[in-house]
C-alpha atoms as a PDB file:
ATOM      1  CA  MET A   1      93.826 -87.856  32.552  1.00  0.00           C
ATOM      2  CA  ARG A   2      93.745 -84.640  34.544  1.00  0.00           C
ATOM      3  CA  HIS A   3      92.685 -81.240  33.207  1.00  0.00           C
ATOM      4  CA  PHE A   4      95.191 -78.491  33.115  1.00  0.00           C
ATOM      5  CA  ARG A   5      93.428 -75.593  34.613  1.00  0.00           C
ATOM      6  CA  PRO A   6      94.976 -71.591  33.668  1.00  0.00           C
ATOM      7  CA  PRO A   7      95.916 -70.074  36.994  1.00  0.00           C
ATOM      8  CA  ASN A   8      94.031 -66.744  36.028  1.00  0.00           C
ATOM      9  CA  GLY A   9      90.756 -68.536  35.086  1.00  0.00           C
ATOM     10  CA  PRO A  10      89.160 -70.940  32.825  1.00  0.00           C
ATOM     11  CA  GLY A  11      89.405 -71.019  28.929  1.00  0.00           C
ATOM     12  CA  PRO A  12      92.221 -71.253  26.360  1.00  0.00           C
ATOM     13  CA  TYR A  13      93.385 -67.692  26.837  1.00  0.00           C
ATOM     14  CA  ARG A  14      95.281 -66.130  29.425  1.00  0.00           C
ATOM     15  CA  ILE A  15      94.470 -62.825  31.104  1.00  0.00           C
ATOM     16  CA  GLU A  16      97.217 -60.667  31.800  1.00  0.00           C
ATOM     17  CA  TRP A  17      97.300 -57.217  32.880  1.00  0.00           C
ATOM     18  CA  HIS A  18     100.225 -55.112  31.899  1.00  0.00           C
ATOM     19  CA  HIS A  19     100.777 -51.859  34.038  1.00  0.00           C
ATOM     20  CA  GLY A  20     103.609 -50.475  32.010  1.00  0.00           C
ATOM     21  CA  HIS A  21     102.048 -49.279  28.866  1.00  0.00           C
ATOM     22  CA  GLN A  22     100.043 -46.871  29.939  1.00  0.00           C
ATOM     23  CA  LEU A  23     101.146 -43.842  28.071  1.00  0.00           C
ATOM     24  CA  PHE A  24      98.986 -45.068  24.886  1.00  0.00           C
ATOM     25  CA  PRO A  25      95.834 -43.839  26.362  1.00  0.00           C
ATOM     26  CA  TRP A  26      97.177 -40.624  27.435  1.00  0.00           C
ATOM     27  CA  LEU A  27      98.430 -40.273  23.890  1.00  0.00           C
ATOM     28  CA  PHE A  28      95.094 -40.557  22.241  1.00  0.00           C
ATOM     29  CA  PHE A  29      93.549 -38.559  24.974  1.00  0.00           C
ATOM     30  CA  VAL A  30      96.280 -35.568  23.988  1.00  0.00           C
ATOM     31  CA  ILE A  31      95.647 -36.078  20.483  1.00  0.00           C
ATOM     32  CA  PHE A  32      91.754 -36.172  20.911  1.00  0.00           C
ATOM     33  CA  VAL A  33      91.889 -32.427  22.772  1.00  0.00           C
ATOM     34  CA  VAL A  34      94.215 -30.947  20.136  1.00  0.00           C
ATOM     35  CA  LEU A  35      92.076 -31.782  17.137  1.00  0.00           C
ATOM     36  CA  ALA A  36      88.749 -30.738  19.145  1.00  0.00           C
ATOM     37  CA  VAL A  37      90.485 -27.396  19.944  1.00  0.00           C
ATOM     38  CA  LEU A  38      91.983 -27.189  16.090  1.00  0.00           C
ATOM     39  CA  ALA A  39      88.031 -28.098  14.857  1.00  0.00           C
ATOM     40  CA  ALA A  40      86.594 -25.452  17.647  1.00  0.00           C
ATOM     41  CA  VAL A  41      89.441 -22.545  16.256  1.00  0.00           C
ATOM     42  CA  ALA A  42      88.262 -23.375  12.712  1.00  0.00           C
ATOM     43  CA  LEU A  43      84.482 -23.297  13.549  1.00  0.00           C
ATOM     44  CA  VAL A  44      85.016 -19.677  15.128  1.00  0.00           C
ATOM     45  CA  ARG A  45      87.159 -18.079  12.367  1.00  0.00           C
ATOM     46  CA  THR A  46      84.646 -19.217   9.591  1.00  0.00           C
ATOM     47  CA  TRP A  47      81.726 -17.772  11.423  1.00  0.00           C
ATOM     48  CA  ARG A  48      83.131 -14.512  12.577  1.00  0.00           C
ATOM     49  CA  VAL A  49      82.345 -11.552  10.556  1.00  0.00           C
ATOM     50  CA  THR A  50      85.418  -9.830   9.268  1.00  0.00           C
ATOM     51  CA  PRO A  51      85.456  -5.969  10.260  1.00  0.00           C
ATOM     52  CA  ARG A  52      85.942  -5.101   6.663  1.00  0.00           C
ATOM     53  CA  ALA A  53      82.914  -6.751   5.751  1.00  0.00           C
ATOM     54  CA  ALA A  54      80.718  -5.568   8.221  1.00  0.00           C
ATOM     55  CA  ALA A  55      81.694  -2.104   7.900  1.00  0.00           C
ATOM     56  CA  ALA A  56      81.089  -2.176   3.924  1.00  0.00           C
ATOM     57  CA  GLY A  57      77.205  -3.177   4.872  1.00  0.00           C
ATOM     58  CA  PRO A  58      75.270  -6.147   3.570  1.00  0.00           C
ATOM     59  CA  ALA A  59      76.512  -7.517   0.184  1.00  0.00           C
ATOM     60  CA  GLY A  60      75.159 -10.800   0.840  1.00  0.00           C
ATOM     61  CA  PRO A  61      71.858 -12.199  -1.077  1.00  0.00           C
ATOM     62  CA  GLY A  62      69.570  -9.149   0.493  1.00  0.00           C
ATOM     63  CA  GLY A  63      72.203  -6.414   0.050  1.00  0.00           C
ATOM     64  CA  ASP A  64      73.608  -4.201  -3.008  1.00  0.00           C
ATOM     65  CA  PRO A  65      77.377  -4.940  -3.468  1.00  0.00           C
ATOM     66  CA  ALA A  66      77.302  -1.897  -5.559  1.00  0.00           C
ATOM     67  CA  LEU A  67      76.109   0.268  -2.476  1.00  0.00           C
ATOM     68  CA  ALA A  68      78.366  -1.909  -0.283  1.00  0.00           C
ATOM     69  CA  GLU A  69      81.210  -0.589  -2.413  1.00  0.00           C
ATOM     70  CA  LEU A  70      80.097   2.893  -2.539  1.00  0.00           C
ATOM     71  CA  ARG A  71      79.865   2.911   1.774  1.00  0.00           C
ATOM     72  CA  LEU A  72      83.537   1.346   1.506  1.00  0.00           C
ATOM     73  CA  ARG A  73      84.742   4.348  -0.887  1.00  0.00           C
ATOM     74  CA  TYR A  74      83.303   7.123   1.549  1.00  0.00           C
ATOM     75  CA  ALA A  75      84.576   5.726   4.712  1.00  0.00           C
ATOM     76  CA  ARG A  76      87.684   5.368   2.886  1.00  0.00           C
ATOM     77  CA  GLY A  77      87.400   9.057   2.134  1.00  0.00           C
ATOM     78  CA  ASP A  78      87.701   8.644  -2.032  1.00  0.00           C
ATOM     79  CA  VAL A  79      83.861  10.033  -2.080  1.00  0.00           C
ATOM     80  CA  ALA A  80      82.794  13.226  -0.946  1.00  0.00           C
ATOM     81  CA  ARG A  81      79.600  13.480   1.178  1.00  0.00           C
ATOM     82  CA  ASP A  82      77.611  15.200  -1.534  1.00  0.00           C
ATOM     83  CA  GLU A  83      78.473  12.643  -4.098  1.00  0.00           C
ATOM     84  CA  TYR A  84      78.015   9.743  -1.783  1.00  0.00           C
ATOM     85  CA  LEU A  85      74.279  11.093  -0.866  1.00  0.00           C
ATOM     86  CA  ARG A  86      73.839  11.708  -4.515  1.00  0.00           C
ATOM     87  CA  ARG A  87      75.017   8.217  -5.512  1.00  0.00           C
ATOM     88  CA  ALA A  88      73.698   6.512  -2.594  1.00  0.00           C
ATOM     89  CA  ALA A  89      69.896   7.935  -3.689  1.00  0.00           C
ATOM     90  CA  ASP A  90      70.503   6.890  -7.219  1.00  0.00           C
ATOM     91  CA  LEU A  91      71.170   3.200  -6.415  1.00  0.00           C
ATOM     92  CA  GLY A  92      67.934   3.217  -4.180  1.00  0.00           C
ATOM     93  CA  ASP A  93      69.479   3.541  -0.583  1.00  0.00           C
ATOM     94  CA  ALA A  94      66.361   4.767   1.335  1.00  0.00           C
ATOM     95  CA  THR A  95      68.612   5.082   4.467  1.00  0.00           C
ATOM     96  CA  ALA A  96      70.716   8.029   2.391  1.00  0.00           C
ATOM     97  CA  ALA A  97      69.677  11.621   3.439  1.00  0.00           C
ATOM     98  CA  ALA A  98      68.756  14.084   0.843  1.00  0.00           C
ATOM     99  CA  PRO A  99      71.793  16.470   0.561  1.00  0.00           C
ATOM    100  CA  THR A 100      71.525  19.252   2.721  1.00  0.00           C
ATOM    101  CA  VAL A 101      71.444  22.675   1.117  1.00  0.00           C
ATOM    102  CA  GLN A 102      73.390  25.464   3.371  1.00  0.00           C
ATOM    103  CA  GLN A 103      71.576  28.189   3.636  1.00  0.00           C
ATOM    104  CA  PRO A 104      73.341  31.520   3.138  1.00  0.00           C
ATOM    105  CA  ALA A 105      74.134  33.284   6.671  1.00  0.00           C
ATOM    106  CA  ALA A 106      71.475  35.743   7.454  1.00  0.00           C
ATOM    107  CA  GLU A 107      72.566  39.409   7.544  1.00  0.00           C
ATOM    108  CA  PRO A 108      73.517  40.451  11.285  1.00  0.00           C
ATOM    109  CA  PRO A 109      70.611  43.078  12.540  1.00  0.00           C
ATOM    110  CA  PRO A 110      71.272  46.837  11.795  1.00  0.00           C
ATOM    111  CA  ALA A 111      73.029  48.416  14.333  1.00  0.00           C
ATOM    112  CA  PRO A 112      71.140  51.155  16.602  1.00  0.00           C
ATOM    113  CA  PRO A 113      71.441  54.338  15.838  1.00  0.00           C
ATOM    114  CA  PRO A 114      74.051  56.374  17.572  1.00  0.00           C
ATOM    115  CA  ALA A 115      72.874  58.288  20.757  1.00  0.00           C
ATOM    116  CA  ALA A 116      72.528  61.918  20.590  1.00  0.00           C
ATOM    117  CA  THR A 117      74.075  64.052  23.100  1.00  0.00           C
END
């Protein structure tokens, strides 16, 4: 009895190359790239500090949320400078300078006596 030998090599399975179905690898590659870009955008949005939070100062575990709210109210113009400095000192802010007391304007020097003619 003669043994039948397949034309594409030994074994029970035929090896065939399909050259017309190359769309699927490119489709999976494009889907992978889109998902990678979306993941990168999500990470950047998560790690980015918003400008409002940065202007308010540290309000995390190391910062005082009351002091951050006071800074925000001062930045909006809801609180006057002297009131801000007083409240910040009450809350224990070491960076707030003591309120400056304006000295009264010095009197102008006396006019020289009129010249005798």
